[in-house]
């Protein structure tokens, strides 16, 4: 005899918790967009995941940088599908929502900050803006991850690589960041190769534009800055958002745990059979 499943509506506490998470998610995205806009104003490069749309926006004034972000991030979703093939889940296309939100936030912060950010910046000011951008992006990523609502396509590619290869998410993040920076650098050289110099201190009128020392600083130090932020704020923010103390891992954390379990299984797996005499002889000859 089959039992009927009743649809349980979320209670008031669950609805309020989701609203708090959604607010934190949007605020986190706003901080990330603000950091991207701030670093972009220096012409020293921005975060790796945004470097390709940044270079494209420098070459093509239309559409806007935010629209280029949406276009490139849509491409990242397709990359996930190519990596996972049949394991790709249809609901991953919901990342289009996060991409669209982030794209409009980037354009919004660009218009807002453009009202007071100086067009001409001294070297010391560029350095200051890159440092502030790194901290702002780190805090935004912390909030965005703690909300645990919908991953961004760049993070989705990293998780997909980890699921396909069994490598740690942190390792796949490095592979992804290096790959997109190389692609962005190649596009910049293709677009601006007619300039006489490879790079200039102001980041303009050179072959390498849209990617630079700021990209390296943000890529390296965002994770470093996130560690003390997470250590100090994770427990109170998590309790505020979810209304309880237990940990709720996000998609990246789940993939990292799975990758570590796979590596441990391979590392400590017992030898199932001894090599045959012929195989042993071949190994001795190679030695």
C-alpha atoms as a PDB file:
ATOM      1  CA  UNK A   1       0.000   0.000   0.000  1.00  0.00           C
ATOM      2  CA  UNK A   2       1.466   3.332  -1.056  1.00  0.00           C
ATOM      3  CA  UNK A   3       1.435   6.195   1.379  1.00  0.00           C
ATOM      4  CA  UNK A   4       0.610   9.644   0.150  1.00  0.00           C
ATOM      5  CA  UNK A   5       3.329  12.233   0.458  1.00  0.00           C
ATOM      6  CA  UNK A   6       2.144  15.499   1.885  1.00  0.00           C
ATOM      7  CA  UNK A   7       3.745  18.738   0.791  1.00  0.00           C
ATOM      8  CA  UNK A   8       5.162  20.505   3.798  1.00  0.00           C
ATOM      9  CA  UNK A   9       5.179  24.258   3.591  1.00  0.00           C
ATOM     10  CA  UNK A  10       8.095  26.057   5.226  1.00  0.00           C
ATOM     11  CA  UNK A  11       7.339  27.470   8.640  1.00  0.00           C
ATOM     12  CA  UNK A  12       7.831  31.088   9.624  1.00  0.00           C
ATOM     13  CA  UNK A  13      11.323  30.516  11.007  1.00  0.00           C
ATOM     14  CA  UNK A  14      12.463  28.841   7.792  1.00  0.00           C
ATOM     15  CA  UNK A  15      11.057  31.654   5.644  1.00  0.00           C
ATOM     16  CA  UNK A  16      12.781  34.291   7.765  1.00  0.00           C
ATOM     17  CA  UNK A  17      16.045  32.342   7.630  1.00  0.00           C
ATOM     18  CA  UNK A  18      15.871  32.160   3.837  1.00  0.00           C
ATOM     19  CA  UNK A  19      15.168  35.901   3.612  1.00  0.00           C
ATOM     20  CA  UNK A  20      18.198  36.601   5.805  1.00  0.00           C
ATOM     21  CA  UNK A  21      20.350  34.352   3.615  1.00  0.00           C
ATOM     22  CA  UNK A  22      19.066  36.025   0.451  1.00  0.00           C
ATOM     23  CA  UNK A  23      19.873  39.476   1.844  1.00  0.00           C
ATOM     24  CA  UNK A  24      23.359  38.316   2.842  1.00  0.00           C
ATOM     25  CA  UNK A  25      23.822  36.792  -0.627  1.00  0.00           C
ATOM     26  CA  UNK A  26      22.955  40.052  -2.402  1.00  0.00           C
ATOM     27  CA  UNK A  27      25.100  42.105   0.000  1.00  0.00           C
ATOM     28  CA  UNK A  28      28.010  39.732  -0.579  1.00  0.00           C
ATOM     29  CA  UNK A  29      27.612  40.054  -4.343  1.00  0.00           C
ATOM     30  CA  UNK A  30      27.507  43.837  -3.975  1.00  0.00           C
ATOM     31  CA  UNK A  31      30.789  43.808  -2.058  1.00  0.00           C
ATOM     32  CA  UNK A  32      32.398  41.592  -4.708  1.00  0.00           C
ATOM     33  CA  UNK A  33      31.148  43.903  -7.478  1.00  0.00           C
ATOM     34  CA  UNK A  34      32.419  46.936  -5.560  1.00  0.00           C
ATOM     35  CA  UNK A  35      35.859  45.378  -5.195  1.00  0.00           C
ATOM     36  CA  UNK A  36      35.937  44.524  -8.887  1.00  0.00           C
ATOM     37  CA  UNK A  37      34.968  48.079  -9.848  1.00  0.00           C
ATOM     38  CA  UNK A  38      37.559  49.563  -7.497  1.00  0.00           C
ATOM     39  CA  UNK A  39      40.402  47.436  -8.827  1.00  0.00           C
ATOM     40  CA  UNK A  40      39.264  47.965 -12.416  1.00  0.00           C
ATOM     41  CA  UNK A  41      39.600  51.735 -11.998  1.00  0.00           C
ATOM     42  CA  UNK A  42      43.370  51.313 -11.470  1.00  0.00           C
ATOM     43  CA  UNK A  43      43.880  49.614 -14.878  1.00  0.00           C
ATOM     44  CA  UNK A  44      46.169  47.155 -13.086  1.00  0.00           C
ATOM     45  CA  UNK A  45      43.887  44.173 -13.587  1.00  0.00           C
ATOM     46  CA  UNK A  46      41.008  42.659 -11.660  1.00  0.00           C
ATOM     47  CA  UNK A  47      40.145  39.275 -10.145  1.00  0.00           C
ATOM     48  CA  UNK A  48      40.996  36.331 -12.443  1.00  0.00           C
ATOM     49  CA  UNK A  49      37.401  35.171 -13.005  1.00  0.00           C
ATOM     50  CA  UNK A  50      36.487  38.645 -14.335  1.00  0.00           C
ATOM     51  CA  UNK A  51      39.638  39.184 -16.397  1.00  0.00           C
ATOM     52  CA  UNK A  52      38.231  37.856 -19.696  1.00  0.00           C
ATOM     53  CA  UNK A  53      35.135  40.126 -19.707  1.00  0.00           C
ATOM     54  CA  UNK A  54      37.382  42.993 -18.596  1.00  0.00           C
ATOM     55  CA  UNK A  55      39.649  42.623 -21.633  1.00  0.00           C
ATOM     56  CA  UNK A  56      36.652  42.230 -23.946  1.00  0.00           C
ATOM     57  CA  UNK A  57      35.081  45.416 -22.541  1.00  0.00           C
ATOM     58  CA  UNK A  58      38.297  47.346 -23.211  1.00  0.00           C
ATOM     59  CA  UNK A  59      38.285  46.274 -26.855  1.00  0.00           C
ATOM     60  CA  UNK A  60      34.531  46.547 -27.426  1.00  0.00           C
ATOM     61  CA  UNK A  61      32.873  49.505 -25.700  1.00  0.00           C
ATOM     62  CA  UNK A  62      29.443  47.991 -26.303  1.00  0.00           C
ATOM     63  CA  UNK A  63      27.977  46.079 -24.609  1.00  0.00           C
ATOM     64  CA  UNK A  64      28.912  47.199 -21.103  1.00  0.00           C
ATOM     65  CA  UNK A  65      31.373  45.431 -18.838  1.00  0.00           C
ATOM     66  CA  UNK A  66      28.498  43.959 -16.832  1.00  0.00           C
ATOM     67  CA  UNK A  67      26.925  42.463 -19.940  1.00  0.00           C
ATOM     68  CA  UNK A  68      30.279  40.980 -20.935  1.00  0.00           C
ATOM     69  CA  UNK A  69      30.402  39.411 -17.465  1.00  0.00           C
ATOM     70  CA  UNK A  70      27.003  37.786 -18.074  1.00  0.00           C
ATOM     71  CA  UNK A  71      28.083  36.531 -21.513  1.00  0.00           C
ATOM     72  CA  UNK A  72      31.390  35.056 -20.326  1.00  0.00           C
ATOM     73  CA  UNK A  73      29.838  33.553 -17.191  1.00  0.00           C
ATOM     74  CA  UNK A  74      27.232  31.878 -19.406  1.00  0.00           C
ATOM     75  CA  UNK A  75      30.168  30.349 -21.263  1.00  0.00           C
ATOM     76  CA  UNK A  76      31.480  29.043 -17.925  1.00  0.00           C
ATOM     77  CA  UNK A  77      28.184  27.212 -17.416  1.00  0.00           C
ATOM     78  CA  UNK A  78      28.629  25.541 -20.804  1.00  0.00           C
ATOM     79  CA  UNK A  79      32.179  24.586 -19.784  1.00  0.00           C
ATOM     80  CA  UNK A  80      30.704  22.852 -16.732  1.00  0.00           C
ATOM     81  CA  UNK A  81      28.386  20.875 -19.021  1.00  0.00           C
ATOM     82  CA  UNK A  82      31.345  19.810 -21.197  1.00  0.00           C
ATOM     83  CA  UNK A  83      33.334  18.710 -18.150  1.00  0.00           C
ATOM     84  CA  UNK A  84      30.554  16.762 -16.433  1.00  0.00           C
ATOM     85  CA  UNK A  85      28.665  15.548 -19.537  1.00  0.00           C
ATOM     86  CA  UNK A  86      25.878  13.249 -18.262  1.00  0.00           C
ATOM     87  CA  UNK A  87      26.599  14.201 -14.655  1.00  0.00           C
ATOM     88  CA  UNK A  88      25.727  17.813 -15.397  1.00  0.00           C
ATOM     89  CA  UNK A  89      22.539  18.794 -13.544  1.00  0.00           C
ATOM     90  CA  UNK A  90      19.911  20.883 -15.303  1.00  0.00           C
ATOM     91  CA  UNK A  91      19.503  23.154 -12.284  1.00  0.00           C
ATOM     92  CA  UNK A  92      23.081  24.368 -12.804  1.00  0.00           C
ATOM     93  CA  UNK A  93      21.591  26.677 -15.445  1.00  0.00           C
ATOM     94  CA  UNK A  94      20.130  28.606 -12.517  1.00  0.00           C
ATOM     95  CA  UNK A  95      23.619  30.068 -12.236  1.00  0.00           C
ATOM     96  CA  UNK A  96      22.413  32.388 -14.998  1.00  0.00           C
ATOM     97  CA  UNK A  97      20.477  34.177 -12.259  1.00  0.00           C
ATOM     98  CA  UNK A  98      23.597  34.808 -10.181  1.00  0.00           C
ATOM     99  CA  UNK A  99      25.503  35.853 -13.320  1.00  0.00           C
ATOM    100  CA  UNK A 100      22.798  38.350 -14.293  1.00  0.00           C
ATOM    101  CA  UNK A 101      22.610  39.759 -10.769  1.00  0.00           C
ATOM    102  CA  UNK A 102      26.369  40.158 -10.593  1.00  0.00           C
ATOM    103  CA  UNK A 103      26.551  41.718 -14.063  1.00  0.00           C
ATOM    104  CA  UNK A 104      24.021  44.401 -13.169  1.00  0.00           C
ATOM    105  CA  UNK A 105      25.696  45.016  -9.807  1.00  0.00           C
ATOM    106  CA  UNK A 106      29.028  45.527 -11.574  1.00  0.00           C
ATOM    107  CA  UNK A 107      27.503  48.072 -13.946  1.00  0.00           C
ATOM    108  CA  UNK A 108      25.721  49.731 -11.025  1.00  0.00           C
ATOM    109  CA  UNK A 109      28.825  50.077  -8.873  1.00  0.00           C
ATOM    110  CA  UNK A 110      30.781  51.265 -11.925  1.00  0.00           C
ATOM    111  CA  UNK A 111      28.282  54.082 -12.446  1.00  0.00           C
ATOM    112  CA  UNK A 112      28.179  54.886  -8.712  1.00  0.00           C
ATOM    113  CA  UNK A 113      31.929  54.881  -8.094  1.00  0.00           C
ATOM    114  CA  UNK A 114      32.517  56.742 -11.344  1.00  0.00           C
ATOM    115  CA  UNK A 115      31.004  59.798  -9.660  1.00  0.00           C
ATOM    116  CA  UNK A 116      33.952  60.183  -7.258  1.00  0.00           C
ATOM    117  CA  UNK A 117      36.817  57.861  -8.297  1.00  0.00           C
ATOM    118  CA  UNK A 118      39.627  59.853  -9.956  1.00  0.00           C
ATOM    119  CA  UNK A 119      40.355  59.047 -13.574  1.00  0.00           C
ATOM    120  CA  UNK A 120      44.072  59.770 -13.163  1.00  0.00           C
ATOM    121  CA  UNK A 121      45.579  57.853 -10.250  1.00  0.00           C
ATOM    122  CA  UNK A 122      49.062  58.027  -8.790  1.00  0.00           C
ATOM    123  CA  UNK A 123      50.916  54.767  -8.195  1.00  0.00           C
ATOM    124  CA  UNK A 124      50.402  54.932  -4.420  1.00  0.00           C
ATOM    125  CA  UNK A 125      46.655  55.384  -4.950  1.00  0.00           C
ATOM    126  CA  UNK A 126      46.516  52.407  -7.305  1.00  0.00           C
ATOM    127  CA  UNK A 127      48.281  50.289  -4.690  1.00  0.00           C
ATOM    128  CA  UNK A 128      45.827  51.471  -2.015  1.00  0.00           C
ATOM    129  CA  UNK A 129      42.808  50.706  -4.200  1.00  0.00           C
ATOM    130  CA  UNK A 130      44.106  47.210  -5.036  1.00  0.00           C
ATOM    131  CA  UNK A 131      44.611  46.471  -1.324  1.00  0.00           C
ATOM    132  CA  UNK A 132      41.139  47.768  -0.418  1.00  0.00           C
ATOM    133  CA  UNK A 133      39.660  45.822  -3.319  1.00  0.00           C
ATOM    134  CA  UNK A 134      41.250  42.607  -2.068  1.00  0.00           C
ATOM    135  CA  UNK A 135      39.723  43.017   1.394  1.00  0.00           C
ATOM    136  CA  UNK A 136      36.303  44.007   0.025  1.00  0.00           C
ATOM    137  CA  UNK A 137      36.194  41.057  -2.381  1.00  0.00           C
ATOM    138  CA  UNK A 138      37.268  38.653   0.379  1.00  0.00           C
ATOM    139  CA  UNK A 139      34.483  39.866   2.675  1.00  0.00           C
ATOM    140  CA  UNK A 140      31.954  39.673  -0.156  1.00  0.00           C
ATOM    141  CA  UNK A 141      32.957  36.097  -1.013  1.00  0.00           C
ATOM    142  CA  UNK A 142      32.657  35.181   2.666  1.00  0.00           C
ATOM    143  CA  UNK A 143      29.065  36.471   2.837  1.00  0.00           C
ATOM    144  CA  UNK A 144      28.164  34.958  -0.526  1.00  0.00           C
ATOM    145  CA  UNK A 145      29.444  31.528   0.537  1.00  0.00           C
ATOM    146  CA  UNK A 146      27.863  31.671   3.981  1.00  0.00           C
ATOM    147  CA  UNK A 147      24.459  32.438   2.443  1.00  0.00           C
ATOM    148  CA  UNK A 148      24.809  29.147   0.514  1.00  0.00           C
ATOM    149  CA  UNK A 149      22.083  29.900  -2.042  1.00  0.00           C
ATOM    150  CA  UNK A 150      23.432  29.725  -5.588  1.00  0.00           C
ATOM    151  CA  UNK A 151      27.016  29.346  -6.760  1.00  0.00           C
ATOM    152  CA  UNK A 152      28.642  31.566  -9.351  1.00  0.00           C
ATOM    153  CA  UNK A 153      29.660  29.949 -12.686  1.00  0.00           C
ATOM    154  CA  UNK A 154      33.384  30.342 -11.971  1.00  0.00           C
ATOM    155  CA  UNK A 155      33.007  28.413  -8.743  1.00  0.00           C
ATOM    156  CA  UNK A 156      30.860  25.919 -10.636  1.00  0.00           C
ATOM    157  CA  UNK A 157      33.682  25.199 -13.090  1.00  0.00           C
ATOM    158  CA  UNK A 158      36.076  24.646 -10.179  1.00  0.00           C
ATOM    159  CA  UNK A 159      33.695  22.203  -8.500  1.00  0.00           C
ATOM    160  CA  UNK A 160      33.043  20.422 -11.820  1.00  0.00           C
ATOM    161  CA  UNK A 161      36.797  19.962 -12.354  1.00  0.00           C
ATOM    162  CA  UNK A 162      37.110  18.533  -8.855  1.00  0.00           C
ATOM    163  CA  UNK A 163      34.227  16.118  -9.428  1.00  0.00           C
ATOM    164  CA  UNK A 164      35.645  14.962 -12.767  1.00  0.00           C
ATOM    165  CA  UNK A 165      39.322  14.656 -11.764  1.00  0.00           C
ATOM    166  CA  UNK A 166      39.126  13.925  -8.041  1.00  0.00           C
ATOM    167  CA  UNK A 167      41.561  16.763  -7.353  1.00  0.00           C
ATOM    168  CA  UNK A 168      41.022  19.087  -4.415  1.00  0.00           C
ATOM    169  CA  UNK A 169      38.849  22.128  -5.031  1.00  0.00           C
ATOM    170  CA  UNK A 170      41.753  24.376  -4.035  1.00  0.00           C
ATOM    171  CA  UNK A 171      43.934  22.766  -6.721  1.00  0.00           C
ATOM    172  CA  UNK A 172      41.194  23.084  -9.341  1.00  0.00           C
ATOM    173  CA  UNK A 173      40.739  26.738  -8.337  1.00  0.00           C
ATOM    174  CA  UNK A 174      44.392  27.388  -9.188  1.00  0.00           C
ATOM    175  CA  UNK A 175      44.001  25.581 -12.520  1.00  0.00           C
ATOM    176  CA  UNK A 176      40.905  27.619 -13.350  1.00  0.00           C
ATOM    177  CA  UNK A 177      42.424  30.965 -12.328  1.00  0.00           C
ATOM    178  CA  UNK A 178      45.614  30.372 -14.299  1.00  0.00           C
ATOM    179  CA  UNK A 179      43.628  29.250 -17.346  1.00  0.00           C
ATOM    180  CA  UNK A 180      41.335  32.295 -17.474  1.00  0.00           C
ATOM    181  CA  UNK A 181      44.227  34.701 -16.858  1.00  0.00           C
ATOM    182  CA  UNK A 182      46.189  33.125 -19.726  1.00  0.00           C
ATOM    183  CA  UNK A 183      43.151  33.395 -22.006  1.00  0.00           C
ATOM    184  CA  UNK A 184      42.605  37.021 -20.986  1.00  0.00           C
ATOM    185  CA  UNK A 185      46.294  37.802 -21.534  1.00  0.00           C
ATOM    186  CA  UNK A 186      46.182  36.173 -24.976  1.00  0.00           C
ATOM    187  CA  UNK A 187      43.114  38.218 -25.918  1.00  0.00           C
ATOM    188  CA  UNK A 188      44.804  41.404 -24.715  1.00  0.00           C
ATOM    189  CA  UNK A 189      47.922  40.724 -26.801  1.00  0.00           C
ATOM    190  CA  UNK A 190      45.702  39.951 -29.787  1.00  0.00           C
ATOM    191  CA  UNK A 191      43.663  43.136 -29.413  1.00  0.00           C
ATOM    192  CA  UNK A 192      46.440  45.581 -28.467  1.00  0.00           C
ATOM    193  CA  UNK A 193      49.558  44.185 -30.155  1.00  0.00           C
ATOM    194  CA  UNK A 194      50.008  47.388 -32.177  1.00  0.00           C
ATOM    195  CA  UNK A 195      51.088  49.317 -29.048  1.00  0.00           C
ATOM    196  CA  UNK A 196      54.809  49.907 -28.750  1.00  0.00           C
ATOM    197  CA  UNK A 197      55.323  48.703 -25.162  1.00  0.00           C
ATOM    198  CA  UNK A 198      54.274  45.515 -23.395  1.00  0.00           C
ATOM    199  CA  UNK A 199      53.113  47.195 -20.157  1.00  0.00           C
ATOM    200  CA  UNK A 200      53.061  50.688 -18.679  1.00  0.00           C
ATOM    201  CA  UNK A 201      52.775  51.813 -15.013  1.00  0.00           C
ATOM    202  CA  UNK A 202      49.342  53.326 -15.650  1.00  0.00           C
ATOM    203  CA  UNK A 203      48.112  50.123 -17.339  1.00  0.00           C
ATOM    204  CA  UNK A 204      46.987  51.858 -20.541  1.00  0.00           C
ATOM    205  CA  UNK A 205      48.401  52.279 -24.061  1.00  0.00           C
ATOM    206  CA  UNK A 206      50.219  48.949 -23.846  1.00  0.00           C
ATOM    207  CA  UNK A 207      49.868  45.387 -25.115  1.00  0.00           C
ATOM    208  CA  UNK A 208      48.810  43.876 -21.773  1.00  0.00           C
ATOM    209  CA  UNK A 209      45.599  45.589 -20.674  1.00  0.00           C
ATOM    210  CA  UNK A 210      42.878  44.390 -18.350  1.00  0.00           C
ATOM    211  CA  UNK A 211      45.299  41.940 -16.717  1.00  0.00           C
ATOM    212  CA  UNK A 212      48.226  42.887 -14.525  1.00  0.00           C
ATOM    213  CA  UNK A 213      49.790  43.006 -11.105  1.00  0.00           C
ATOM    214  CA  UNK A 214      46.387  43.674  -9.551  1.00  0.00           C
ATOM    215  CA  UNK A 215      45.142  40.346 -10.908  1.00  0.00           C
ATOM    216  CA  UNK A 216      48.033  38.524  -9.253  1.00  0.00           C
ATOM    217  CA  UNK A 217      47.616  40.331  -5.918  1.00  0.00           C
ATOM    218  CA  UNK A 218      43.877  39.648  -5.760  1.00  0.00           C
ATOM    219  CA  UNK A 219      44.278  36.002  -6.811  1.00  0.00           C
ATOM    220  CA  UNK A 220      46.926  35.346  -4.163  1.00  0.00           C
ATOM    221  CA  UNK A 221      45.726  37.403  -1.211  1.00  0.00           C
ATOM    222  CA  UNK A 222      41.917  37.088  -1.313  1.00  0.00           C
ATOM    223  CA  UNK A 223      42.218  33.612   0.186  1.00  0.00           C
ATOM    224  CA  UNK A 224      44.737  34.865   2.739  1.00  0.00           C
ATOM    225  CA  UNK A 225      42.445  37.698   3.838  1.00  0.00           C
ATOM    226  CA  UNK A 226      39.429  35.390   3.982  1.00  0.00           C
ATOM    227  CA  UNK A 227      41.029  33.193   6.655  1.00  0.00           C
ATOM    228  CA  UNK A 228      40.887  35.729   9.540  1.00  0.00           C
ATOM    229  CA  UNK A 229      37.501  37.008   8.320  1.00  0.00           C
ATOM    230  CA  UNK A 230      36.126  33.468   8.404  1.00  0.00           C
ATOM    231  CA  UNK A 231      37.717  32.720  11.754  1.00  0.00           C
ATOM    232  CA  UNK A 232      36.209  35.820  13.373  1.00  0.00           C
ATOM    233  CA  UNK A 233      32.797  36.016  11.692  1.00  0.00           C
ATOM    234  CA  UNK A 234      31.798  32.529  10.560  1.00  0.00           C
ATOM    235  CA  UNK A 235      30.057  31.399  13.738  1.00  0.00           C
ATOM    236  CA  UNK A 236      28.029  34.581  14.469  1.00  0.00           C
ATOM    237  CA  UNK A 237      27.107  35.144  10.807  1.00  0.00           C
ATOM    238  CA  UNK A 238      26.175  31.486  10.310  1.00  0.00           C
ATOM    239  CA  UNK A 239      24.011  31.514  13.434  1.00  0.00           C
ATOM    240  CA  UNK A 240      22.360  34.755  12.315  1.00  0.00           C
ATOM    241  CA  UNK A 241      21.558  33.410   8.856  1.00  0.00           C
ATOM    242  CA  UNK A 242      20.453  29.885   9.718  1.00  0.00           C
ATOM    243  CA  UNK A 243      19.272  30.397  13.275  1.00  0.00           C
ATOM    244  CA  UNK A 244      21.266  27.447  14.518  1.00  0.00           C
ATOM    245  CA  UNK A 245      24.810  26.548  15.313  1.00  0.00           C
ATOM    246  CA  UNK A 246      25.479  23.476  13.189  1.00  0.00           C
ATOM    247  CA  UNK A 247      27.560  23.800  10.044  1.00  0.00           C
ATOM    248  CA  UNK A 248      25.870  23.616   6.640  1.00  0.00           C
ATOM    249  CA  UNK A 249      28.569  22.992   4.017  1.00  0.00           C
ATOM    250  CA  UNK A 250      28.241  24.709   0.656  1.00  0.00           C
ATOM    251  CA  UNK A 251      28.777  23.030  -2.708  1.00  0.00           C
ATOM    252  CA  UNK A 252      32.497  23.777  -2.838  1.00  0.00           C
ATOM    253  CA  UNK A 253      33.053  22.385   0.672  1.00  0.00           C
ATOM    254  CA  UNK A 254      31.146  19.211  -0.207  1.00  0.00           C
ATOM    255  CA  UNK A 255      33.276  18.738  -3.340  1.00  0.00           C
ATOM    256  CA  UNK A 256      36.448  19.299  -1.320  1.00  0.00           C
ATOM    257  CA  UNK A 257      35.432  16.661   1.235  1.00  0.00           C
ATOM    258  CA  UNK A 258      34.595  14.187  -1.543  1.00  0.00           C
ATOM    259  CA  UNK A 259      37.933  14.801  -3.283  1.00  0.00           C
ATOM    260  CA  UNK A 260      39.824  14.252  -0.019  1.00  0.00           C
ATOM    261  CA  UNK A 261      37.929  10.998   0.566  1.00  0.00           C
ATOM    262  CA  UNK A 262      38.820   9.785  -2.942  1.00  0.00           C
ATOM    263  CA  UNK A 263      42.488  10.662  -2.510  1.00  0.00           C
ATOM    264  CA  UNK A 264      42.593   8.952   0.877  1.00  0.00           C
ATOM    265  CA  UNK A 265      40.955   5.841  -0.593  1.00  0.00           C
ATOM    266  CA  UNK A 266      43.575   5.672  -3.342  1.00  0.00           C
ATOM    267  CA  UNK A 267      46.416   6.368  -0.945  1.00  0.00           C
ATOM    268  CA  UNK A 268      45.505   3.707   1.574  1.00  0.00           C
ATOM    269  CA  UNK A 269      43.888   1.123  -0.696  1.00  0.00           C
ATOM    270  CA  UNK A 270      45.426  -2.360  -0.153  1.00  0.00           C
ATOM    271  CA  UNK A 271      47.276  -4.084  -2.982  1.00  0.00           C
ATOM    272  CA  UNK A 272      44.726  -6.490  -4.470  1.00  0.00           C
ATOM    273  CA  UNK A 273      47.173  -8.782  -6.250  1.00  0.00           C
ATOM    274  CA  UNK A 274      50.898  -9.356  -6.565  1.00  0.00           C
ATOM    275  CA  UNK A 275      52.500  -8.608  -9.951  1.00  0.00           C
ATOM    276  CA  UNK A 276      53.075 -11.589 -12.231  1.00  0.00           C
ATOM    277  CA  UNK A 277      56.671 -12.911 -12.711  1.00  0.00           C
ATOM    278  CA  UNK A 278      56.731 -11.486 -16.255  1.00  0.00           C
ATOM    279  CA  UNK A 279      55.613  -8.075 -15.033  1.00  0.00           C
ATOM    280  CA  UNK A 280      58.137  -8.218 -12.190  1.00  0.00           C
ATOM    281  CA  UNK A 281      60.893  -9.077 -14.678  1.00  0.00           C
ATOM    282  CA  UNK A 282      59.909  -6.118 -16.869  1.00  0.00           C
ATOM    283  CA  UNK A 283      60.070  -3.814 -13.875  1.00  0.00           C
ATOM    284  CA  UNK A 284      63.531  -5.168 -12.980  1.00  0.00           C
ATOM    285  CA  UNK A 285      64.780  -4.579 -16.531  1.00  0.00           C
ATOM    286  CA  UNK A 286      63.448  -0.991 -16.476  1.00  0.00           C
ATOM    287  CA  UNK A 287      65.202  -0.423 -13.162  1.00  0.00           C
END
